[in-house]
Amino acid sequence: GATGDLARRKLLPGLLHLERAGQLADCRIVGTSLEERS
């Protein structure tokens, strides 16, 4: 549900903050949903 409302409002900005806080070292994020996107 990576293109949905919760992801856009909370999850993706939250993950960016975790990056800023040094909590995503050696991590990758794979988004997936029913939408066609590159």
PDB file of all heavy atoms in Angstrom:
ATOM      1  N   GLY A   1       0.825  -1.204   0.000  1.00  0.00           N
ATOM      2  CA  GLY A   1       0.000   0.000   0.000  1.00  0.00           C
ATOM      3  C   GLY A   1       0.851   1.243   0.000  1.00  0.00           C
ATOM      4  O   GLY A   1       0.486   2.273   0.592  1.00  0.00           O
ATOM      5  N   ALA A   2       1.988   1.180  -0.696  1.00  0.00           N
ATOM      6  CA  ALA A   2       2.987   2.248  -0.613  1.00  0.00           C
ATOM      7  C   ALA A   2       2.539   3.553  -1.239  1.00  0.00           C
ATOM      8  O   ALA A   2       3.150   4.603  -0.992  1.00  0.00           O
ATOM      9  CB  ALA A   2       4.289   1.787  -1.272  1.00  0.00           C
ATOM     10  N   THR A   3       1.488   3.540  -2.055  1.00  0.00           N
ATOM     11  CA  THR A   3       1.005   4.783  -2.676  1.00  0.00           C
ATOM     12  C   THR A   3      -0.269   5.287  -2.012  1.00  0.00           C
ATOM     13  O   THR A   3      -0.866   6.253  -2.477  1.00  0.00           O
ATOM     14  CB  THR A   3       0.737   4.560  -4.180  1.00  0.00           C
ATOM     15  OG1 THR A   3      -0.256   3.536  -4.332  1.00  0.00           O
ATOM     16  CG2 THR A   3       2.006   4.137  -4.893  1.00  0.00           C
ATOM     17  N   GLY A   4      -0.689   4.642  -0.930  1.00  0.00           N
ATOM     18  CA  GLY A   4      -1.931   5.012  -0.264  1.00  0.00           C
ATOM     19  C   GLY A   4      -1.790   6.196   0.665  1.00  0.00           C
ATOM     20  O   GLY A   4      -0.700   6.739   0.881  1.00  0.00           O
ATOM     21  N   ASP A   5      -2.914   6.593   1.269  1.00  0.00           N
ATOM     22  CA  ASP A   5      -2.961   7.794   2.099  1.00  0.00           C
ATOM     23  C   ASP A   5      -2.108   7.660   3.351  1.00  0.00           C
ATOM     24  O   ASP A   5      -1.379   8.588   3.709  1.00  0.00           O
ATOM     25  CB  ASP A   5      -4.421   8.092   2.465  1.00  0.00           C
ATOM     26  CG  ASP A   5      -4.571   9.420   3.179  1.00  0.00           C
ATOM     27  OD1 ASP A   5      -4.334  10.465   2.542  1.00  0.00           O
ATOM     28  OD2 ASP A   5      -4.915   9.422   4.386  1.00  0.00           O
ATOM     29  N   LEU A   6      -2.196   6.522   4.043  1.00  0.00           N
ATOM     30  CA  LEU A   6      -1.401   6.342   5.257  1.00  0.00           C
ATOM     31  C   LEU A   6       0.089   6.381   4.947  1.00  0.00           C
ATOM     32  O   LEU A   6       0.869   7.001   5.685  1.00  0.00           O
ATOM     33  CB  LEU A   6      -1.763   5.023   5.940  1.00  0.00           C
ATOM     34  CG  LEU A   6      -0.947   4.674   7.200  1.00  0.00           C
ATOM     35  CD1 LEU A   6      -1.157   5.723   8.280  1.00  0.00           C
ATOM     36  CD2 LEU A   6      -1.306   3.289   7.716  1.00  0.00           C
ATOM     37  N   ALA A   7       0.480   5.732   3.875  1.00  0.00           N
ATOM     38  CA  ALA A   7       1.898   5.736   3.503  1.00  0.00           C
ATOM     39  C   ALA A   7       2.388   7.154   3.222  1.00  0.00           C
ATOM     40  O   ALA A   7       3.480   7.557   3.660  1.00  0.00           O
ATOM     41  CB  ALA A   7       2.126   4.838   2.293  1.00  0.00           C
ATOM     42  N   ARG A   8       1.594   7.924   2.487  1.00  0.00           N
ATOM     43  CA  ARG A   8       2.024   9.282   2.123  1.00  0.00           C
ATOM     44  C   ARG A   8       2.046  10.211   3.331  1.00  0.00           C
ATOM     45  O   ARG A   8       2.953  11.041   3.463  1.00  0.00           O
ATOM     46  CB  ARG A   8       1.103   9.849   1.038  1.00  0.00           C
ATOM     47  CG  ARG A   8       1.246   9.144  -0.312  1.00  0.00           C
ATOM     48  CD  ARG A   8       0.450   9.829  -1.402  1.00  0.00           C
ATOM     49  NE  ARG A   8      -0.968   9.916  -1.093  1.00  0.00           N
ATOM     50  CZ  ARG A   8      -1.598  11.020  -0.725  1.00  0.00           C
ATOM     51  NH1 ARG A   8      -0.927  12.161  -0.608  1.00  0.00           N
ATOM     52  NH2 ARG A   8      -2.886  11.011  -0.481  1.00  0.00           N
ATOM     53  N   ARG A   9       1.061  10.083   4.204  1.00  0.00           N
ATOM     54  CA  ARG A   9       0.949  11.025   5.325  1.00  0.00           C
ATOM     55  C   ARG A   9       1.857  10.674   6.502  1.00  0.00           C
ATOM     56  O   ARG A   9       2.365  11.569   7.184  1.00  0.00           O
ATOM     57  CB  ARG A   9      -0.501  11.092   5.816  1.00  0.00           C
ATOM     58  CG  ARG A   9      -1.446  11.802   4.853  1.00  0.00           C
ATOM     59  CD  ARG A   9      -2.873  11.814   5.390  1.00  0.00           C
ATOM     60  NE  ARG A   9      -3.752  12.569   4.527  1.00  0.00           N
ATOM     61  CZ  ARG A   9      -3.979  13.870   4.624  1.00  0.00           C
ATOM     62  NH1 ARG A   9      -3.373  14.564   5.584  1.00  0.00           N
ATOM     63  NH2 ARG A   9      -4.783  14.495   3.804  1.00  0.00           N
ATOM     64  N   LYS A  10       2.036   9.387   6.758  1.00  0.00           N
ATOM     65  CA  LYS A  10       2.735   8.986   7.972  1.00  0.00           C
ATOM     66  C   LYS A  10       3.974   8.123   7.734  1.00  0.00           C
ATOM     67  O   LYS A  10       5.034   8.383   8.299  1.00  0.00           O
ATOM     68  CB  LYS A  10       1.762   8.208   8.882  1.00  0.00           C
ATOM     69  CG  LYS A  10       0.558   9.018   9.353  1.00  0.00           C
ATOM     70  CD  LYS A  10       0.965  10.134  10.294  1.00  0.00           C
ATOM     71  CE  LYS A  10      -0.276  10.852  10.845  1.00  0.00           C
ATOM     72  NZ  LYS A  10       0.101  11.962  11.766  1.00  0.00           N
ATOM     73  N   LEU A  11       3.827   7.081   6.918  1.00  0.00           N
ATOM     74  CA  LEU A  11       4.876   6.063   6.871  1.00  0.00           C
ATOM     75  C   LEU A  11       6.116   6.537   6.122  1.00  0.00           C
ATOM     76  O   LEU A  11       7.241   6.392   6.620  1.00  0.00           O
ATOM     77  CB  LEU A  11       4.323   4.782   6.241  1.00  0.00           C
ATOM     78  CG  LEU A  11       3.074   4.205   6.933  1.00  0.00           C
ATOM     79  CD1 LEU A  11       2.642   2.917   6.252  1.00  0.00           C
ATOM     80  CD2 LEU A  11       3.336   3.971   8.419  1.00  0.00           C
ATOM     81  N   LEU A  12       5.933   7.091   4.928  1.00  0.00           N
ATOM     82  CA  LEU A  12       7.100   7.548   4.172  1.00  0.00           C
ATOM     83  C   LEU A  12       7.803   8.721   4.854  1.00  0.00           C
ATOM     84  O   LEU A  12       9.040   8.704   5.002  1.00  0.00           O
ATOM     85  CB  LEU A  12       6.690   7.893   2.738  1.00  0.00           C
ATOM     86  CG  LEU A  12       6.232   6.680   1.901  1.00  0.00           C
ATOM     87  CD1 LEU A  12       5.607   7.135   0.586  1.00  0.00           C
ATOM     88  CD2 LEU A  12       7.392   5.725   1.656  1.00  0.00           C
ATOM     89  N   PRO A  13       7.064   9.771   5.322  1.00  0.00           N
ATOM     90  CA  PRO A  13       7.756  10.813   6.090  1.00  0.00           C
ATOM     91  C   PRO A  13       8.405  10.275   7.362  1.00  0.00           C
ATOM     92  O   PRO A  13       9.478  10.737   7.758  1.00  0.00           O
ATOM     93  CB  PRO A  13       6.627  11.809   6.411  1.00  0.00           C
ATOM     94  CG  PRO A  13       5.612  11.597   5.335  1.00  0.00           C
ATOM     95  CD  PRO A  13       5.660  10.128   5.052  1.00  0.00           C
ATOM     96  N   GLY A  14       7.747   9.287   7.997  1.00  0.00           N
ATOM     97  CA  GLY A  14       8.322   8.695   9.202  1.00  0.00           C
ATOM     98  C   GLY A  14       9.619   7.955   8.916  1.00  0.00           C
ATOM     99  O   GLY A  14      10.591   8.040   9.681  1.00  0.00           O
ATOM    100  N   LEU A  15       9.648   7.234   7.816  1.00  0.00           N
ATOM    101  CA  LEU A  15      10.880   6.534   7.441  1.00  0.00           C
ATOM    102  C   LEU A  15      11.999   7.520   7.110  1.00  0.00           C
ATOM    103  O   LEU A  15      13.171   7.285   7.435  1.00  0.00           O
ATOM    104  CB  LEU A  15      10.603   5.619   6.246  1.00  0.00           C
ATOM    105  CG  LEU A  15       9.780   4.359   6.563  1.00  0.00           C
ATOM    106  CD1 LEU A  15       9.277   3.718   5.281  1.00  0.00           C
ATOM    107  CD2 LEU A  15      10.616   3.364   7.373  1.00  0.00           C
ATOM    108  N   LEU A  16      11.636   8.632   6.490  1.00  0.00           N
ATOM    109  CA  LEU A  16      12.642   9.657   6.220  1.00  0.00           C
ATOM    110  C   LEU A  16      13.205  10.218   7.520  1.00  0.00           C
ATOM    111  O   LEU A  16      14.414  10.462   7.641  1.00  0.00           O
ATOM    112  CB  LEU A  16      12.034  10.778   5.380  1.00  0.00           C
ATOM    113  CG  LEU A  16      12.967  11.949   5.035  1.00  0.00           C
ATOM    114  CD1 LEU A  16      14.190  11.475   4.283  1.00  0.00           C
ATOM    115  CD2 LEU A  16      12.225  13.004   4.217  1.00  0.00           C
ATOM    116  N   HIS A  17      12.358  10.399   8.508  1.00  0.00           N
ATOM    117  CA  HIS A  17      12.852  10.885   9.803  1.00  0.00           C
ATOM    118  C   HIS A  17      13.768   9.849  10.450  1.00  0.00           C
ATOM    119  O   HIS A  17      14.766  10.208  11.089  1.00  0.00           O
ATOM    120  CB  HIS A  17      11.682  11.212  10.725  1.00  0.00           C
ATOM    121  CG  HIS A  17      12.119  11.816  12.024  1.00  0.00           C
ATOM    122  ND1 HIS A  17      12.467  13.142  12.140  1.00  0.00           N
ATOM    123  CD2 HIS A  17      12.292  11.280  13.251  1.00  0.00           C
ATOM    124  CE1 HIS A  17      12.825  13.398  13.388  1.00  0.00           C
ATOM    125  NE2 HIS A  17      12.729  12.276  14.087  1.00  0.00           N
ATOM    126  N   LEU A  18      13.425   8.569  10.313  1.00  0.00           N
ATOM    127  CA  LEU A  18      14.312   7.530  10.848  1.00  0.00           C
ATOM    128  C   LEU A  18      15.669   7.566  10.152  1.00  0.00           C
ATOM    129  O   LEU A  18      16.707   7.317  10.773  1.00  0.00           O
ATOM    130  CB  LEU A  18      13.665   6.159  10.685  1.00  0.00           C
ATOM    131  CG  LEU A  18      12.486   5.854  11.619  1.00  0.00           C
ATOM    132  CD1 LEU A  18      11.850   4.513  11.259  1.00  0.00           C
ATOM    133  CD2 LEU A  18      12.928   5.848  13.081  1.00  0.00           C
ATOM    134  N   GLU A  19      15.675   7.876   8.869  1.00  0.00           N
ATOM    135  CA  GLU A  19      16.945   8.051   8.155  1.00  0.00           C
ATOM    136  C   GLU A  19      17.740   9.190   8.772  1.00  0.00           C
ATOM    137  O   GLU A  19      18.941   9.065   9.033  1.00  0.00           O
ATOM    138  CB  GLU A  19      16.671   8.326   6.676  1.00  0.00           C
ATOM    139  CG  GLU A  19      17.892   8.741   5.869  1.00  0.00           C
ATOM    140  CD  GLU A  19      18.890   7.616   5.710  1.00  0.00           C
ATOM    141  OE1 GLU A  19      18.455   6.450   5.547  1.00  0.00           O
ATOM    142  OE2 GLU A  19      20.107   7.894   5.754  1.00  0.00           O
ATOM    143  N   ARG A  20      17.058  10.297   9.015  1.00  0.00           N
ATOM    144  CA  ARG A  20      17.724  11.461   9.613  1.00  0.00           C
ATOM    145  C   ARG A  20      18.256  11.134  11.002  1.00  0.00           C
ATOM    146  O   ARG A  20      19.322  11.616  11.415  1.00  0.00           O
ATOM    147  CB  ARG A  20      16.725  12.619   9.683  1.00  0.00           C
ATOM    148  CG  ARG A  20      17.269  13.887  10.330  1.00  0.00           C
ATOM    149  CD  ARG A  20      18.295  14.586   9.449  1.00  0.00           C
ATOM    150  NE  ARG A  20      18.712  15.858  10.004  1.00  0.00           N
ATOM    151  CZ  ARG A  20      19.626  16.642   9.456  1.00  0.00           C
ATOM    152  NH1 ARG A  20      20.200  16.284   8.344  1.00  0.00           N
ATOM    153  NH2 ARG A  20      19.952  17.788  10.014  1.00  0.00           N
ATOM    154  N   ALA A  21      17.540  10.268  11.723  1.00  0.00           N
ATOM    155  CA  ALA A  21      17.935   9.895  13.083  1.00  0.00           C
ATOM    156  C   ALA A  21      18.994   8.803  13.101  1.00  0.00           C
ATOM    157  O   ALA A  21      19.400   8.351  14.169  1.00  0.00           O
ATOM    158  CB  ALA A  21      16.707   9.424  13.864  1.00  0.00           C
ATOM    159  N   GLY A  22      19.432   8.354  11.928  1.00  0.00           N
ATOM    160  CA  GLY A  22      20.473   7.340  11.862  1.00  0.00           C
ATOM    161  C   GLY A  22      19.975   5.935  12.123  1.00  0.00           C
ATOM    162  O   GLY A  22      20.755   5.056  12.531  1.00  0.00           O
ATOM    163  N   GLN A  23      18.675   5.704  11.875  1.00  0.00           N
ATOM    164  CA  GLN A  23      18.083   4.409  12.190  1.00  0.00           C
ATOM    165  C   GLN A  23      17.855   3.515  10.970  1.00  0.00           C
ATOM    166  O   GLN A  23      17.288   2.428  11.114  1.00  0.00           O
ATOM    167  CB  GLN A  23      16.746   4.627  12.900  1.00  0.00           C
ATOM    168  CG  GLN A  23      16.873   5.302  14.241  1.00  0.00           C
ATOM    169  CD  GLN A  23      17.697   4.477  15.213  1.00  0.00           C
ATOM    170  OE1 GLN A  23      17.372   3.344  15.497  1.00  0.00           O
ATOM    171  NE2 GLN A  23      18.787   5.048  15.709  1.00  0.00           N
ATOM    172  N   LEU A  24      18.270   3.937   9.799  1.00  0.00           N
ATOM    173  CA  LEU A  24      18.042   3.125   8.602  1.00  0.00           C
ATOM    174  C   LEU A  24      19.347   2.724   7.913  1.00  0.00           C
ATOM    175  O   LEU A  24      19.362   2.431   6.725  1.00  0.00           O
ATOM    176  CB  LEU A  24      17.139   3.868   7.609  1.00  0.00           C
ATOM    177  CG  LEU A  24      15.688   4.074   8.015  1.00  0.00           C
ATOM    178  CD1 LEU A  24      14.902   4.689   6.861  1.00  0.00           C
ATOM    179  CD2 LEU A  24      15.034   2.772   8.459  1.00  0.00           C
ATOM    180  N   ALA A  25      20.428   2.711   8.661  1.00  0.00           N
ATOM    181  CA  ALA A  25      21.684   2.268   8.072  1.00  0.00           C
ATOM    182  C   ALA A  25      21.548   0.826   7.599  1.00  0.00           C
ATOM    183  O   ALA A  25      20.978  -0.018   8.294  1.00  0.00           O
ATOM    184  CB  ALA A  25      22.810   2.387   9.104  1.00  0.00           C
ATOM    185  N   ASP A  26      22.069   0.542   6.406  1.00  0.00           N
ATOM    186  CA  ASP A  26      21.998  -0.804   5.821  1.00  0.00           C
ATOM    187  C   ASP A  26      20.565  -1.288   5.681  1.00  0.00           C
ATOM    188  O   ASP A  26      20.255  -2.459   5.927  1.00  0.00           O
ATOM    189  CB  ASP A  26      22.796  -1.807   6.664  1.00  0.00           C
ATOM    190  CG  ASP A  26      24.285  -1.488   6.671  1.00  0.00           C
ATOM    191  OD1 ASP A  26      24.788  -1.034   5.619  1.00  0.00           O
ATOM    192  OD2 ASP A  26      24.924  -1.676   7.705  1.00  0.00           O
ATOM    193  N   CYS A  27      19.661  -0.396   5.295  1.00  0.00           N
ATOM    194  CA  CYS A  27      18.261  -0.752   5.072  1.00  0.00           C
ATOM    195  C   CYS A  27      17.860  -0.395   3.643  1.00  0.00           C
ATOM    196  O   CYS A  27      18.418   0.520   3.034  1.00  0.00           O
ATOM    197  CB  CYS A  27      17.344  -0.027   6.055  1.00  0.00           C
ATOM    198  SG  CYS A  27      17.498  -0.594   7.754  1.00  0.00           S
ATOM    199  N   ARG A  28      16.891  -1.123   3.122  1.00  0.00           N
ATOM    200  CA  ARG A  28      16.290  -0.829   1.834  1.00  0.00           C
ATOM    201  C   ARG A  28      14.771  -0.852   2.008  1.00  0.00           C
ATOM    202  O   ARG A  28      14.243  -1.595   2.836  1.00  0.00           O
ATOM    203  CB  ARG A  28      16.712  -1.848   0.766  1.00  0.00           C
ATOM    204  CG  ARG A  28      18.212  -1.911   0.514  1.00  0.00           C
ATOM    205  CD  ARG A  28      18.745  -0.624  -0.095  1.00  0.00           C
ATOM    206  NE  ARG A  28      20.172  -0.732  -0.402  1.00  0.00           N
ATOM    207  CZ  ARG A  28      21.149  -0.425   0.454  1.00  0.00           C
ATOM    208  NH1 ARG A  28      20.839   0.010   1.680  1.00  0.00           N
ATOM    209  NH2 ARG A  28      22.414  -0.554   0.099  1.00  0.00           N
ATOM    210  N   ILE A  29      14.073  -0.057   1.202  1.00  0.00           N
ATOM    211  CA  ILE A  29      12.618   0.042   1.279  1.00  0.00           C
ATOM    212  C   ILE A  29      12.040  -0.309  -0.080  1.00  0.00           C
ATOM    213  O   ILE A  29      12.335   0.372  -1.079  1.00  0.00           O
ATOM    214  CB  ILE A  29      12.178   1.456   1.706  1.00  0.00           C
ATOM    215  CG1 ILE A  29      12.769   1.814   3.075  1.00  0.00           C
ATOM    216  CG2 ILE A  29      10.651   1.557   1.739  1.00  0.00           C
ATOM    217  CD1 ILE A  29      12.727   3.284   3.399  1.00  0.00           C
ATOM    218  N   VAL A  30      11.249  -1.351  -0.122  1.00  0.00           N
ATOM    219  CA  VAL A  30      10.588  -1.777  -1.349  1.00  0.00           C
ATOM    220  C   VAL A  30       9.115  -1.417  -1.247  1.00  0.00           C
ATOM    221  O   VAL A  30       8.384  -1.972  -0.422  1.00  0.00           O
ATOM    222  CB  VAL A  30      10.743  -3.297  -1.580  1.00  0.00           C
ATOM    223  CG1 VAL A  30       9.996  -3.721  -2.850  1.00  0.00           C
ATOM    224  CG2 VAL A  30      12.212  -3.678  -1.654  1.00  0.00           C
ATOM    225  N   GLY A  31       8.688  -0.454  -2.045  1.00  0.00           N
ATOM    226  CA  GLY A  31       7.283  -0.091  -2.073  1.00  0.00           C
ATOM    227  C   GLY A  31       6.534  -0.969  -3.054  1.00  0.00           C
ATOM    228  O   GLY A  31       7.062  -1.323  -4.113  1.00  0.00           O
ATOM    229  N   THR A  32       5.295  -1.310  -2.708  1.00  0.00           N
ATOM    230  CA  THR A  32       4.488  -2.104  -3.621  1.00  0.00           C
ATOM    231  C   THR A  32       3.014  -1.786  -3.426  1.00  0.00           C
ATOM    232  O   THR A  32       2.580  -1.463  -2.315  1.00  0.00           O
ATOM    233  CB  THR A  32       4.739  -3.624  -3.424  1.00  0.00           C
ATOM    234  OG1 THR A  32       3.984  -4.359  -4.387  1.00  0.00           O
ATOM    235  CG2 THR A  32       4.341  -4.067  -2.025  1.00  0.00           C
ATOM    236  N   SER A  33       2.268  -1.816  -4.511  1.00  0.00           N
ATOM    237  CA  SER A  33       0.825  -1.605  -4.476  1.00  0.00           C
ATOM    238  C   SER A  33       0.251  -2.102  -5.795  1.00  0.00           C
ATOM    239  O   SER A  33       0.982  -2.623  -6.649  1.00  0.00           O
ATOM    240  CB  SER A  33       0.480  -0.125  -4.256  1.00  0.00           C
ATOM    241  OG  SER A  33       0.695   0.615  -5.442  1.00  0.00           O
ATOM    242  N   LEU A  34      -1.036  -1.929  -5.969  1.00  0.00           N
ATOM    243  CA  LEU A  34      -1.683  -2.353  -7.211  1.00  0.00           C
ATOM    244  C   LEU A  34      -1.473  -1.350  -8.337  1.00  0.00           C
ATOM    245  O   LEU A  34      -1.793  -1.637  -9.485  1.00  0.00           O
ATOM    246  CB  LEU A  34      -3.183  -2.578  -6.979  1.00  0.00           C
ATOM    247  CG  LEU A  34      -3.547  -3.697  -6.005  1.00  0.00           C
ATOM    248  CD1 LEU A  34      -5.049  -3.768  -5.819  1.00  0.00           C
ATOM    249  CD2 LEU A  34      -3.013  -5.032  -6.496  1.00  0.00           C
ATOM    250  N   GLU A  35      -0.956  -0.168  -8.016  1.00  0.00           N
ATOM    251  CA  GLU A  35      -0.735   0.856  -9.032  1.00  0.00           C
ATOM    252  C   GLU A  35       0.509   0.562  -9.854  1.00  0.00           C
ATOM    253  O   GLU A  35       1.502   0.042  -9.349  1.00  0.00           O
ATOM    254  CB  GLU A  35      -0.583   2.233  -8.379  1.00  0.00           C
ATOM    255  CG  GLU A  35      -1.850   2.757  -7.736  1.00  0.00           C
ATOM    256  CD  GLU A  35      -1.679   4.191  -7.264  1.00  0.00           C
ATOM    257  OE1 GLU A  35      -0.736   4.870  -7.737  1.00  0.00           O
ATOM    258  OE2 GLU A  35      -2.475   4.637  -6.435  1.00  0.00           O
ATOM    259  N   GLU A  36       0.417   0.911 -11.141  1.00  0.00           N
ATOM    260  CA  GLU A  36       1.573   0.807 -12.039  1.00  0.00           C
ATOM    261  C   GLU A  36       2.455   2.041 -11.848  1.00  0.00           C
ATOM    262  O   GLU A  36       2.039   3.154 -12.140  1.00  0.00           O
ATOM    263  CB  GLU A  36       1.103   0.713 -13.488  1.00  0.00           C
ATOM    264  CG  GLU A  36       0.576  -0.649 -13.881  1.00  0.00           C
ATOM    265  CD  GLU A  36       1.698  -1.658 -14.099  1.00  0.00           C
ATOM    266  OE1 GLU A  36       2.873  -1.231 -14.092  1.00  0.00           O
ATOM    267  OE2 GLU A  36       1.402  -2.848 -14.240  1.00  0.00           O
ATOM    268  N   ARG A  37       3.660   1.848 -11.351  1.00  0.00           N
ATOM    269  CA  ARG A  37       4.614   2.940 -11.197  1.00  0.00           C
ATOM    270  C   ARG A  37       6.020   2.398 -11.401  1.00  0.00           C
ATOM    271  O   ARG A  37       6.295   1.228 -11.140  1.00  0.00           O
ATOM    272  CB  ARG A  37       4.521   3.578  -9.793  1.00  0.00           C
ATOM    273  CG  ARG A  37       3.288   4.430  -9.576  1.00  0.00           C
ATOM    274  CD  ARG A  37       3.297   5.040  -8.179  1.00  0.00           C
ATOM    275  NE  ARG A  37       2.077   5.783  -7.918  1.00  0.00           N
ATOM    276  CZ  ARG A  37       1.921   7.073  -8.143  1.00  0.00           C
ATOM    277  NH1 ARG A  37       2.920   7.770  -8.655  1.00  0.00           N
ATOM    278  NH2 ARG A  37       0.776   7.667  -7.864  1.00  0.00           N
ATOM    279  N   SER A  38       6.893   3.261 -11.806  1.00  0.00           N
ATOM    280  CA  SER A  38       8.314   2.922 -11.848  1.00  0.00           C
ATOM    281  C   SER A  38       8.956   3.342 -10.534  1.00  0.00           C
ATOM    282  O   SER A  38       8.368   4.089  -9.737  1.00  0.00           O
ATOM    283  CB  SER A  38       8.988   3.647 -13.007  1.00  0.00           C
ATOM    284  OG  SER A  38       8.971   5.056 -12.783  1.00  0.00           O
TER     285      SER A  38
END
